Amino acid sequence: MAKYLVLYRADVSAEEQMQQSPEEGDASMQEWMAWAGKVGGALTDFGSPVGNGRAITSAGTSSSTSDVAGYSIVEAADADAAAALMDGHPHLEIGTIEVLEAIELPGM
């Protein structure tokens, strides 16, 4: 089984997404937990929202303009199987999901 990094992309930052009523937050978390239950053991790291990023180049550091709002890690037989795990994911209501294979380094 290969590991896949799941990136949750959105026009609204994770911080802004969490600016909701407690009832809305609970309902949203229930949807995420239902997805996690459906995926089961393929979800090896639920992940978390991300924010306050920095872009780092050889010229220095600046605030990040990335639209990545969070991540998870899943295991699957191949990229198509990993993508299929995202079927019905609640994040798709507000953004997109990118699934990237973690390539094993020889000798590591």
N, C-alpha and C. Protein backbone atom coordinates (compact mmCIF):
# COMPACT_ATOMS: atom_id res chain seq x y z
N MET A 1 0.84 -1.19 0.00
CA MET A 1 0.00 0.00 0.00
C MET A 1 0.88 1.24 0.00
N ALA A 2 0.50 2.18 -0.82
CA ALA A 2 1.22 3.45 -0.88
C ALA A 2 0.52 4.48 0.01
N LYS A 3 1.29 5.46 0.48
CA LYS A 3 0.73 6.56 1.25
C LYS A 3 0.45 7.73 0.32
N TYR A 4 -0.62 8.46 0.62
CA TYR A 4 -1.02 9.61 -0.17
C TYR A 4 -1.30 10.79 0.76
N LEU A 5 -0.73 11.93 0.39
CA LEU A 5 -0.99 13.18 1.10
C LEU A 5 -2.24 13.79 0.48
N VAL A 6 -3.21 14.06 1.32
CA VAL A 6 -4.47 14.66 0.88
C VAL A 6 -4.43 16.13 1.28
N LEU A 7 -4.49 17.01 0.29
CA LEU A 7 -4.49 18.45 0.56
C LEU A 7 -5.88 19.01 0.31
N TYR A 8 -6.40 19.69 1.31
CA TYR A 8 -7.71 20.33 1.20
C TYR A 8 -7.48 21.78 0.79
N ARG A 9 -7.98 22.16 -0.38
CA ARG A 9 -7.80 23.51 -0.90
C ARG A 9 -9.13 24.26 -0.82
N ALA A 10 -9.05 25.55 -0.48
CA ALA A 10 -10.26 26.36 -0.40
C ALA A 10 -9.91 27.83 -0.56
N ASP A 11 -10.85 28.60 -1.05
CA ASP A 11 -10.67 30.04 -1.17
C ASP A 11 -10.77 30.72 0.19
N VAL A 12 -11.34 30.02 1.16
CA VAL A 12 -11.51 30.53 2.51
C VAL A 12 -10.51 29.81 3.41
N SER A 13 -9.76 30.55 4.20
CA SER A 13 -8.75 29.93 5.06
C SER A 13 -9.40 29.04 6.12
N ALA A 14 -8.60 28.15 6.68
CA ALA A 14 -9.09 27.28 7.75
C ALA A 14 -9.57 28.11 8.93
N GLU A 15 -8.84 29.18 9.23
CA GLU A 15 -9.25 30.05 10.34
C GLU A 15 -10.64 30.64 10.08
N GLU A 16 -10.87 31.09 8.86
CA GLU A 16 -12.18 31.66 8.51
C GLU A 16 -13.27 30.59 8.52
N GLN A 17 -12.93 29.38 8.08
CA GLN A 17 -13.91 28.30 8.08
C GLN A 17 -14.37 27.96 9.49
N MET A 18 -13.49 28.16 10.47
CA MET A 18 -13.84 27.82 11.85
C MET A 18 -14.60 28.94 12.55
N GLN A 19 -14.82 30.06 11.86
CA GLN A 19 -15.61 31.17 12.42
C GLN A 19 -17.08 30.88 12.19
N GLN A 20 -17.59 29.89 12.87
CA GLN A 20 -18.98 29.51 12.72
C GLN A 20 -19.57 29.25 14.10
N SER A 21 -20.88 29.10 14.14
CA SER A 21 -21.53 28.85 15.42
C SER A 21 -21.12 27.46 15.93
N PRO A 22 -21.24 27.23 17.22
CA PRO A 22 -20.93 25.90 17.75
C PRO A 22 -21.77 24.81 17.09
N GLU A 23 -23.03 25.13 16.78
CA GLU A 23 -23.90 24.14 16.14
C GLU A 23 -23.40 23.80 14.74
N GLU A 24 -22.99 24.82 13.97
CA GLU A 24 -22.45 24.59 12.64
C GLU A 24 -21.15 23.80 12.72
N GLY A 25 -20.32 24.14 13.70
CA GLY A 25 -19.06 23.43 13.88
C GLY A 25 -19.29 21.97 14.21
N ASP A 26 -20.25 21.68 15.08
CA ASP A 26 -20.57 20.30 15.43
C ASP A 26 -21.09 19.53 14.23
N ALA A 27 -21.96 20.16 13.44
CA ALA A 27 -22.52 19.50 12.26
C ALA A 27 -21.41 19.20 11.24
N SER A 28 -20.51 20.16 11.05
CA SER A 28 -19.39 19.97 10.12
C SER A 28 -18.49 18.83 10.59
N MET A 29 -18.18 18.80 11.87
CA MET A 29 -17.31 17.75 12.40
C MET A 29 -17.98 16.38 12.29
N GLN A 30 -19.29 16.32 12.46
CA GLN A 30 -20.00 15.05 12.30
C GLN A 30 -19.88 14.54 10.87
N GLU A 31 -19.94 15.45 9.88
CA GLU A 31 -19.78 15.05 8.48
C GLU A 31 -18.38 14.51 8.23
N TRP A 32 -17.36 15.18 8.80
CA TRP A 32 -15.98 14.71 8.64
C TRP A 32 -15.80 13.35 9.31
N MET A 33 -16.38 13.16 10.48
CA MET A 33 -16.24 11.89 11.18
C MET A 33 -16.97 10.77 10.43
N ALA A 34 -18.09 11.09 9.80
CA ALA A 34 -18.80 10.10 9.00
C ALA A 34 -17.93 9.68 7.82
N TRP A 35 -17.26 10.65 7.17
CA TRP A 35 -16.35 10.31 6.07
C TRP A 35 -15.21 9.44 6.60
N ALA A 36 -14.62 9.82 7.72
CA ALA A 36 -13.51 9.04 8.30
C ALA A 36 -13.96 7.61 8.61
N GLY A 37 -15.17 7.46 9.12
CA GLY A 37 -15.69 6.13 9.40
C GLY A 37 -15.87 5.30 8.14
N LYS A 38 -16.31 5.96 7.07
CA LYS A 38 -16.49 5.26 5.79
C LYS A 38 -15.15 4.80 5.23
N VAL A 39 -14.12 5.63 5.35
CA VAL A 39 -12.80 5.32 4.82
C VAL A 39 -12.10 4.27 5.69
N GLY A 40 -12.37 4.29 6.97
CA GLY A 40 -11.83 3.29 7.88
C GLY A 40 -10.32 3.33 8.01
N GLY A 41 -9.70 2.15 8.01
CA GLY A 41 -8.27 2.02 8.22
C GLY A 41 -7.40 2.64 7.14
N ALA A 42 -7.97 2.99 6.00
CA ALA A 42 -7.19 3.65 4.95
C ALA A 42 -6.76 5.06 5.38
N LEU A 43 -7.47 5.63 6.35
CA LEU A 43 -7.12 6.95 6.87
C LEU A 43 -6.09 6.75 7.98
N THR A 44 -4.82 6.96 7.65
CA THR A 44 -3.76 6.69 8.63
C THR A 44 -3.46 7.91 9.50
N ASP A 45 -3.81 9.10 9.04
CA ASP A 45 -3.62 10.32 9.83
C ASP A 45 -4.75 11.27 9.44
N PHE A 46 -5.66 11.52 10.38
CA PHE A 46 -6.79 12.41 10.11
C PHE A 46 -6.30 13.78 9.67
N GLY A 47 -5.12 14.19 10.18
CA GLY A 47 -4.56 15.48 9.82
C GLY A 47 -5.16 16.61 10.63
N SER A 48 -5.11 17.80 10.06
CA SER A 48 -5.64 18.97 10.75
C SER A 48 -5.74 20.14 9.78
N PRO A 49 -6.45 21.19 10.20
CA PRO A 49 -6.41 22.42 9.42
C PRO A 49 -5.00 23.01 9.49
N VAL A 50 -4.65 23.82 8.50
CA VAL A 50 -3.36 24.50 8.51
C VAL A 50 -3.57 25.98 8.22
N GLY A 51 -2.63 26.78 8.66
CA GLY A 51 -2.72 28.21 8.41
C GLY A 51 -1.45 28.91 8.84
N ASN A 52 -1.47 30.23 8.74
CA ASN A 52 -0.34 31.06 9.16
C ASN A 52 0.95 30.60 8.48
N GLY A 53 0.86 30.29 7.19
CA GLY A 53 2.00 29.74 6.45
C GLY A 53 3.03 30.78 6.06
N ARG A 54 4.21 30.30 5.75
CA ARG A 54 5.31 31.12 5.26
C ARG A 54 5.84 30.52 3.97
N ALA A 55 6.08 31.37 2.99
CA ALA A 55 6.73 30.98 1.74
C ALA A 55 8.21 31.29 1.90
N ILE A 56 9.04 30.32 1.65
CA ILE A 56 10.48 30.48 1.87
C ILE A 56 11.21 30.27 0.56
N THR A 57 12.00 31.23 0.17
CA THR A 57 12.82 31.16 -1.04
C THR A 57 14.25 31.52 -0.68
N SER A 58 15.14 31.43 -1.64
CA SER A 58 16.53 31.82 -1.39
C SER A 58 16.64 33.31 -1.10
N ALA A 59 15.61 34.07 -1.48
CA ALA A 59 15.61 35.52 -1.24
C ALA A 59 15.04 35.90 0.13
N GLY A 60 14.42 34.93 0.82
CA GLY A 60 13.88 35.25 2.13
C GLY A 60 12.53 34.59 2.38
N THR A 61 11.82 35.14 3.34
CA THR A 61 10.55 34.58 3.79
C THR A 61 9.45 35.62 3.68
N SER A 62 8.25 35.16 3.29
CA SER A 62 7.09 36.04 3.22
C SER A 62 5.86 35.25 3.62
N SER A 63 4.76 35.94 3.80
CA SER A 63 3.50 35.26 4.08
C SER A 63 3.11 34.40 2.89
N SER A 64 2.60 33.23 3.18
CA SER A 64 2.18 32.31 2.12
C SER A 64 0.85 32.73 1.53
N THR A 65 0.70 32.53 0.23
CA THR A 65 -0.58 32.77 -0.44
C THR A 65 -1.24 31.46 -0.83
N SER A 66 -0.79 30.36 -0.23
CA SER A 66 -1.32 29.04 -0.55
C SER A 66 -2.80 28.95 -0.19
N ASP A 67 -3.54 28.19 -0.98
CA ASP A 67 -4.94 27.95 -0.67
C ASP A 67 -5.15 26.62 0.04
N VAL A 68 -4.06 26.01 0.52
CA VAL A 68 -4.17 24.77 1.28
C VAL A 68 -4.71 25.10 2.66
N ALA A 69 -5.84 24.46 3.02
CA ALA A 69 -6.49 24.73 4.29
C ALA A 69 -6.34 23.59 5.28
N GLY A 70 -5.82 22.43 4.83
CA GLY A 70 -5.65 21.30 5.72
C GLY A 70 -5.08 20.11 4.99
N TYR A 71 -4.87 19.04 5.74
CA TYR A 71 -4.30 17.82 5.15
C TYR A 71 -4.79 16.58 5.90
N SER A 72 -4.67 15.44 5.24
CA SER A 72 -4.84 14.12 5.83
C SER A 72 -3.85 13.21 5.13
N ILE A 73 -3.68 12.00 5.64
CA ILE A 73 -2.86 10.99 4.97
C ILE A 73 -3.67 9.71 4.90
N VAL A 74 -3.71 9.13 3.70
CA VAL A 74 -4.41 7.87 3.49
C VAL A 74 -3.46 6.86 2.87
N GLU A 75 -3.83 5.60 2.97
CA GLU A 75 -3.11 4.53 2.28
C GLU A 75 -4.07 3.89 1.29
N ALA A 76 -3.53 3.56 0.11
CA ALA A 76 -4.35 2.93 -0.93
C ALA A 76 -3.45 2.16 -1.87
N ALA A 77 -4.06 1.26 -2.64
CA ALA A 77 -3.31 0.43 -3.58
C ALA A 77 -2.69 1.25 -4.71
N ASP A 78 -3.40 2.30 -5.13
CA ASP A 78 -2.90 3.15 -6.21
C ASP A 78 -3.61 4.50 -6.16
N ALA A 79 -3.22 5.39 -7.06
CA ALA A 79 -3.76 6.76 -7.06
C ALA A 79 -5.27 6.78 -7.29
N ASP A 80 -5.76 5.89 -8.15
CA ASP A 80 -7.20 5.86 -8.39
C ASP A 80 -7.96 5.44 -7.14
N ALA A 81 -7.41 4.46 -6.42
CA ALA A 81 -8.05 4.01 -5.18
C ALA A 81 -8.01 5.12 -4.13
N ALA A 82 -6.91 5.86 -4.07
CA ALA A 82 -6.81 6.97 -3.13
C ALA A 82 -7.84 8.05 -3.48
N ALA A 83 -7.97 8.36 -4.75
CA ALA A 83 -8.95 9.36 -5.19
C ALA A 83 -10.37 8.90 -4.87
N ALA A 84 -10.64 7.61 -5.02
CA ALA A 84 -11.97 7.08 -4.75
C ALA A 84 -12.35 7.24 -3.27
N LEU A 85 -11.36 7.25 -2.39
CA LEU A 85 -11.64 7.45 -0.96
C LEU A 85 -12.23 8.83 -0.70
N MET A 86 -12.04 9.78 -1.61
CA MET A 86 -12.53 11.14 -1.43
C MET A 86 -13.98 11.30 -1.86
N ASP A 87 -14.59 10.25 -2.39
CA ASP A 87 -15.98 10.29 -2.84
C ASP A 87 -16.88 10.70 -1.67
N GLY A 88 -17.64 11.74 -1.85
CA GLY A 88 -18.57 12.21 -0.83
C GLY A 88 -17.92 12.96 0.32
N HIS A 89 -16.67 13.33 0.17
CA HIS A 89 -15.96 14.05 1.25
C HIS A 89 -16.64 15.40 1.50
N PRO A 90 -16.87 15.76 2.76
CA PRO A 90 -17.57 17.02 3.05
C PRO A 90 -16.80 18.27 2.61
N HIS A 91 -15.48 18.19 2.48
CA HIS A 91 -14.73 19.37 2.05
C HIS A 91 -15.11 19.78 0.63
N LEU A 92 -15.59 18.85 -0.17
CA LEU A 92 -15.94 19.16 -1.56
C LEU A 92 -17.10 20.16 -1.65
N GLU A 93 -17.78 20.41 -0.54
CA GLU A 93 -18.85 21.40 -0.53
C GLU A 93 -18.30 22.83 -0.55
N ILE A 94 -17.03 23.00 -0.14
CA ILE A 94 -16.46 24.35 -0.06
C ILE A 94 -15.16 24.52 -0.83
N GLY A 95 -14.59 23.43 -1.32
CA GLY A 95 -13.29 23.53 -1.98
C GLY A 95 -12.96 22.29 -2.78
N THR A 96 -11.69 22.13 -3.06
CA THR A 96 -11.22 20.99 -3.84
C THR A 96 -10.25 20.18 -2.99
N ILE A 97 -9.97 18.97 -3.47
CA ILE A 97 -9.05 18.07 -2.80
C ILE A 97 -8.00 17.62 -3.80
N GLU A 98 -6.76 17.63 -3.36
CA GLU A 98 -5.65 17.13 -4.18
C GLU A 98 -5.03 15.94 -3.45
N VAL A 99 -4.79 14.85 -4.18
CA VAL A 99 -4.21 13.64 -3.60
C VAL A 99 -2.85 13.40 -4.27
N LEU A 100 -1.79 13.36 -3.46
CA LEU A 100 -0.42 13.22 -3.96
C LEU A 100 0.23 11.98 -3.34
N GLU A 101 0.83 11.15 -4.18
CA GLU A 101 1.50 9.95 -3.67
C GLU A 101 2.82 10.33 -3.01
N ALA A 102 3.06 9.75 -1.84
CA ALA A 102 4.35 9.91 -1.17
C ALA A 102 5.30 8.86 -1.77
N ILE A 103 6.30 9.31 -2.49
CA ILE A 103 7.24 8.41 -3.16
C ILE A 103 8.30 7.97 -2.16
N GLU A 104 8.49 6.67 -2.05
CA GLU A 104 9.52 6.16 -1.14
C GLU A 104 10.90 6.45 -1.69
N LEU A 105 11.78 6.90 -0.82
CA LEU A 105 13.16 7.16 -1.20
C LEU A 105 13.97 5.89 -1.07
N PRO A 106 14.75 5.53 -2.08
CA PRO A 106 15.58 4.32 -1.97
C PRO A 106 16.55 4.45 -0.80
N GLY A 107 16.67 3.38 -0.05
CA GLY A 107 17.60 3.36 1.06
C GLY A 107 17.13 4.06 2.31
N MET A 108 15.93 4.54 2.33
CA MET A 108 15.42 5.25 3.53
C MET A 108 14.46 4.36 4.28
